[in-house]
Amino acid sequence: MTNKERYKQAFSALHSSCEMTLEVEKMAILSKRAKFKATAAAIVTICLAITGGSGVVYAADVGGIQRTIQLWIEGDRTDVSFTYDESGTYDMSYESKDGENVLLHGGGVAIEDDGTERPLTEEELLEDLSMPMVEYEEDGTAWVYYCDQKIEITDQFKDGVCYVKVSNGEKTLYMTVLYQDGWCTSPHKYESPDSFR
């Protein structure tokens, strides 16, 4: 009989307690978690390095991250310098068709189901900036701008209210426009003018 076989025979009668077995299992799980976290950190670092070199312009700014994005402005795809701040505000600037530098500042809050307020996220603000816009020109015409669409609605007002249906191919919106007094959009139906006066 070899030494290995003697050890097996001597210790085969001994059994480990459940507590000892659980402790070993806990240590194995913690070890796996540590390896997973290290792997995840490496993946995040690689993704950040790839994103940083992908050609999107990012620059540190006092209030947040400044980057160049494209938005539909007055029916044209426009490069916009956009800065988002964690407080739910943004600054953006772009060059208008007339060559003037336009600066805009905005922001907002969302009210949760429990009544608490929170700042809008960057995605929510960008979604809002992508919604249809109504503009009134100096010549008296009224226009709706949505993505690449420019729709004149001057002659569609009846008793100061105009209803316009717009679509970008993926989403259809129903607009209720009060002449020079605001507008609202809905993905389901035209809203009553009284609901937002």
Protein backbone atom coordinates (compact mmCIF):
# COMPACT_ATOMS: atom_id res chain seq x y z
CA MET A 1 0.00 0.00 0.00
CA THR A 2 1.34 3.44 -0.99
CA ASN A 3 1.37 6.56 1.18
CA LYS A 4 -1.36 8.13 -0.91
CA GLU A 5 -3.63 5.16 -0.38
CA ARG A 6 -2.88 5.16 3.40
CA TYR A 7 -3.85 8.87 3.65
CA LYS A 8 -7.07 8.20 1.77
CA GLN A 9 -7.94 5.33 4.04
CA ALA A 10 -7.07 7.28 7.21
CA PHE A 11 -9.09 10.37 6.28
CA SER A 12 -12.01 8.67 4.48
CA ALA A 13 -13.81 8.31 7.81
CA LEU A 14 -13.66 12.08 8.40
CA HIS A 15 -16.41 14.32 6.99
CA SER A 16 -16.39 18.12 6.75
CA SER A 17 -19.11 20.06 8.49
CA CYS A 18 -21.78 21.87 6.47
CA GLU A 19 -20.48 25.21 7.73
CA MET A 20 -17.04 24.48 6.35
CA THR A 21 -18.50 23.44 2.99
CA LEU A 22 -20.61 26.61 2.79
CA GLU A 23 -17.60 28.77 3.64
CA VAL A 24 -15.60 27.18 0.81
CA GLU A 25 -18.51 27.74 -1.59
CA LYS A 26 -18.82 31.40 -0.51
CA MET A 27 -15.11 31.94 -1.12
CA ALA A 28 -15.41 30.37 -4.58
CA ILE A 29 -18.35 32.65 -5.45
CA LEU A 30 -16.50 35.76 -4.21
CA SER A 31 -13.45 34.74 -6.22
CA LYS A 32 -15.59 34.39 -9.37
CA ARG A 33 -17.20 37.80 -8.73
CA ALA A 34 -13.80 39.44 -8.35
CA LYS A 35 -12.66 37.89 -11.65
CA PHE A 36 -15.91 39.04 -13.32
CA LYS A 37 -15.49 42.61 -12.03
CA ALA A 38 -11.91 42.73 -13.27
CA THR A 39 -13.02 41.43 -16.67
CA ALA A 40 -15.93 43.91 -16.81
CA ALA A 41 -13.58 46.79 -15.92
CA ALA A 42 -11.23 45.75 -18.71
CA ILE A 43 -14.11 45.58 -21.20
CA VAL A 44 -15.38 49.03 -20.15
CA THR A 45 -11.88 50.45 -20.52
CA ILE A 46 -11.54 48.97 -24.01
CA CYS A 47 -15.00 50.30 -25.02
CA LEU A 48 -14.10 53.76 -23.76
CA ALA A 49 -10.85 53.69 -25.69
CA ILE A 50 -12.68 52.65 -28.87
CA THR A 51 -15.43 55.26 -28.34
CA GLY A 52 -12.86 57.97 -27.63
CA GLY A 53 -11.20 57.29 -30.96
CA SER A 54 -14.39 56.87 -33.00
CA GLY A 55 -14.50 60.38 -34.40
CA VAL A 56 -17.23 61.88 -32.20
CA VAL A 57 -15.96 65.12 -30.73
CA TYR A 58 -15.97 65.23 -26.92
CA ALA A 59 -14.47 68.00 -24.85
CA ALA A 60 -14.50 68.66 -21.13
CA ASP A 61 -16.62 71.64 -20.17
CA VAL A 62 -17.36 73.29 -16.85
CA GLY A 63 -20.99 72.12 -16.81
CA GLY A 64 -20.72 68.72 -18.48
CA ILE A 65 -19.59 67.00 -21.66
CA GLN A 66 -19.65 68.94 -24.90
CA ARG A 67 -20.06 67.06 -28.11
CA THR A 68 -21.11 67.63 -31.69
CA ILE A 69 -24.38 65.99 -32.70
CA GLN A 70 -26.79 66.33 -35.61
CA LEU A 71 -30.35 67.56 -35.13
CA TRP A 72 -33.13 68.44 -37.55
CA ILE A 73 -33.50 72.23 -37.40
CA GLU A 74 -36.04 73.89 -39.68
CA GLY A 75 -36.10 70.82 -41.90
CA ASP A 76 -32.31 70.58 -42.35
CA ARG A 77 -29.82 68.21 -40.74
CA THR A 78 -27.60 70.55 -38.71
CA ASP A 79 -24.37 70.06 -36.73
CA VAL A 80 -24.96 71.25 -33.17
CA SER A 81 -22.50 71.73 -30.32
CA PHE A 82 -24.40 70.20 -27.38
CA THR A 83 -23.52 70.27 -23.67
CA TYR A 84 -25.57 68.36 -21.08
CA ASP A 85 -25.35 68.93 -17.35
CA GLU A 86 -26.43 66.39 -14.71
CA SER A 87 -28.85 69.01 -13.33
CA GLY A 88 -31.05 68.41 -16.41
CA THR A 89 -29.98 71.47 -18.41
CA TYR A 90 -28.34 71.84 -21.80
CA ASP A 91 -26.60 74.45 -23.91
CA MET A 92 -26.40 74.16 -27.66
CA SER A 93 -25.09 76.28 -30.46
CA TYR A 94 -25.23 76.01 -34.22
CA GLU A 95 -24.86 78.12 -37.33
CA SER A 96 -28.18 79.20 -38.86
CA LYS A 97 -28.95 79.29 -42.58
CA ASP A 98 -28.10 83.01 -42.50
CA GLY A 99 -24.63 82.26 -41.08
CA GLU A 100 -25.47 83.56 -37.61
CA ASN A 101 -24.36 81.68 -34.51
CA VAL A 102 -27.47 80.60 -32.56
CA LEU A 103 -27.13 79.86 -28.83
CA LEU A 104 -29.89 78.05 -26.93
CA HIS A 105 -30.23 77.03 -23.29
CA GLY A 106 -32.91 74.81 -21.80
CA GLY A 107 -33.71 71.96 -19.52
CA GLY A 108 -36.47 70.40 -17.51
CA VAL A 109 -37.64 68.01 -14.86
CA ALA A 110 -39.76 64.89 -14.89
CA ILE A 111 -42.30 64.11 -12.21
CA GLU A 112 -42.22 60.48 -11.14
CA ASP A 113 -45.30 58.39 -10.23
CA ASP A 114 -44.68 59.05 -6.53
CA GLY A 115 -44.67 62.84 -7.12
CA THR A 116 -40.92 63.40 -6.80
CA GLU A 117 -39.05 65.52 -9.32
CA ARG A 118 -35.89 64.50 -11.10
CA PRO A 119 -33.79 66.23 -13.78
CA LEU A 120 -34.41 65.10 -17.35
CA THR A 121 -31.80 62.75 -18.72
CA GLU A 122 -29.75 63.63 -21.79
CA GLU A 123 -31.76 61.12 -23.85
CA GLU A 124 -35.06 62.70 -22.75
CA LEU A 125 -33.82 66.20 -23.64
CA LEU A 126 -32.61 65.06 -27.06
CA GLU A 127 -35.95 63.34 -27.70
CA ASP A 128 -37.73 66.59 -26.82
CA LEU A 129 -35.45 68.54 -29.18
CA SER A 130 -36.42 66.09 -31.93
CA MET A 131 -40.15 66.79 -31.56
CA PRO A 132 -42.09 68.88 -34.13
CA MET A 133 -41.72 72.66 -33.91
CA VAL A 134 -44.08 75.44 -34.98
CA GLU A 135 -42.64 78.75 -36.20
CA TYR A 136 -44.27 81.96 -37.37
CA GLU A 137 -42.41 83.95 -40.01
CA GLU A 138 -42.31 87.74 -40.38
CA ASP A 139 -44.38 87.45 -43.59
CA GLY A 140 -47.28 86.01 -41.53
CA THR A 141 -46.87 82.36 -42.56
CA ALA A 142 -46.95 79.51 -40.04
CA TRP A 143 -44.78 76.42 -40.45
CA VAL A 144 -44.40 73.00 -38.82
CA TYR A 145 -40.90 71.51 -38.90
CA TYR A 146 -40.44 67.81 -38.17
CA CYS A 147 -37.28 65.96 -39.20
CA ASP A 148 -36.81 66.77 -42.91
CA GLN A 149 -40.37 68.07 -43.35
CA LYS A 150 -41.40 71.71 -43.78
CA ILE A 151 -45.19 72.02 -43.76
CA GLU A 152 -46.90 75.37 -44.21
CA ILE A 153 -50.05 75.46 -42.07
CA THR A 154 -51.03 79.13 -42.51
CA ASP A 155 -54.32 78.40 -44.30
CA GLN A 156 -55.26 75.39 -42.14
CA PHE A 157 -56.33 77.36 -39.03
CA LYS A 158 -60.05 77.38 -38.22
CA ASP A 159 -61.09 79.51 -35.26
CA GLY A 160 -57.40 79.77 -34.28
CA VAL A 161 -56.84 75.99 -34.19
CA CYS A 162 -55.00 73.75 -36.66
CA TYR A 163 -54.65 69.96 -36.66
CA VAL A 164 -51.58 68.45 -38.34
CA LYS A 165 -50.49 64.80 -38.68
CA VAL A 166 -46.73 64.28 -39.10
CA SER A 167 -44.63 61.14 -39.46
CA ASN A 168 -40.92 60.36 -39.70
CA GLY A 169 -41.49 56.84 -41.08
CA GLU A 170 -41.21 55.21 -37.65
CA LYS A 171 -43.48 57.35 -35.51
CA THR A 172 -46.69 59.24 -36.32
CA LEU A 173 -47.67 62.26 -34.22
CA TYR A 174 -50.92 64.21 -34.07
CA MET A 175 -50.42 67.94 -33.49
CA THR A 176 -52.96 70.45 -32.19
CA VAL A 177 -51.71 73.99 -32.85
CA LEU A 178 -53.21 77.17 -31.38
CA TYR A 179 -52.35 80.15 -33.57
CA GLN A 180 -49.38 81.88 -31.86
CA ASP A 181 -50.42 80.35 -28.53
CA GLY A 182 -48.65 76.97 -28.35
CA TRP A 183 -49.09 73.40 -29.54
CA CYS A 184 -49.08 69.86 -28.26
CA THR A 185 -48.37 66.46 -29.79
CA SER A 186 -49.75 63.00 -29.11
CA PRO A 187 -48.91 59.60 -30.62
CA HIS A 188 -52.58 58.55 -30.34
CA LYS A 189 -54.99 61.36 -31.27
CA TYR A 190 -55.50 65.09 -31.70
CA GLU A 191 -55.85 66.80 -28.33
CA SER A 192 -58.64 69.21 -27.51
CA PRO A 193 -57.41 72.84 -27.52
CA ASP A 194 -58.98 73.27 -24.07
CA SER A 195 -56.77 70.55 -22.59
CA PHE A 196 -53.60 72.68 -22.80
CA ARG A 197 -54.83 76.28 -22.59
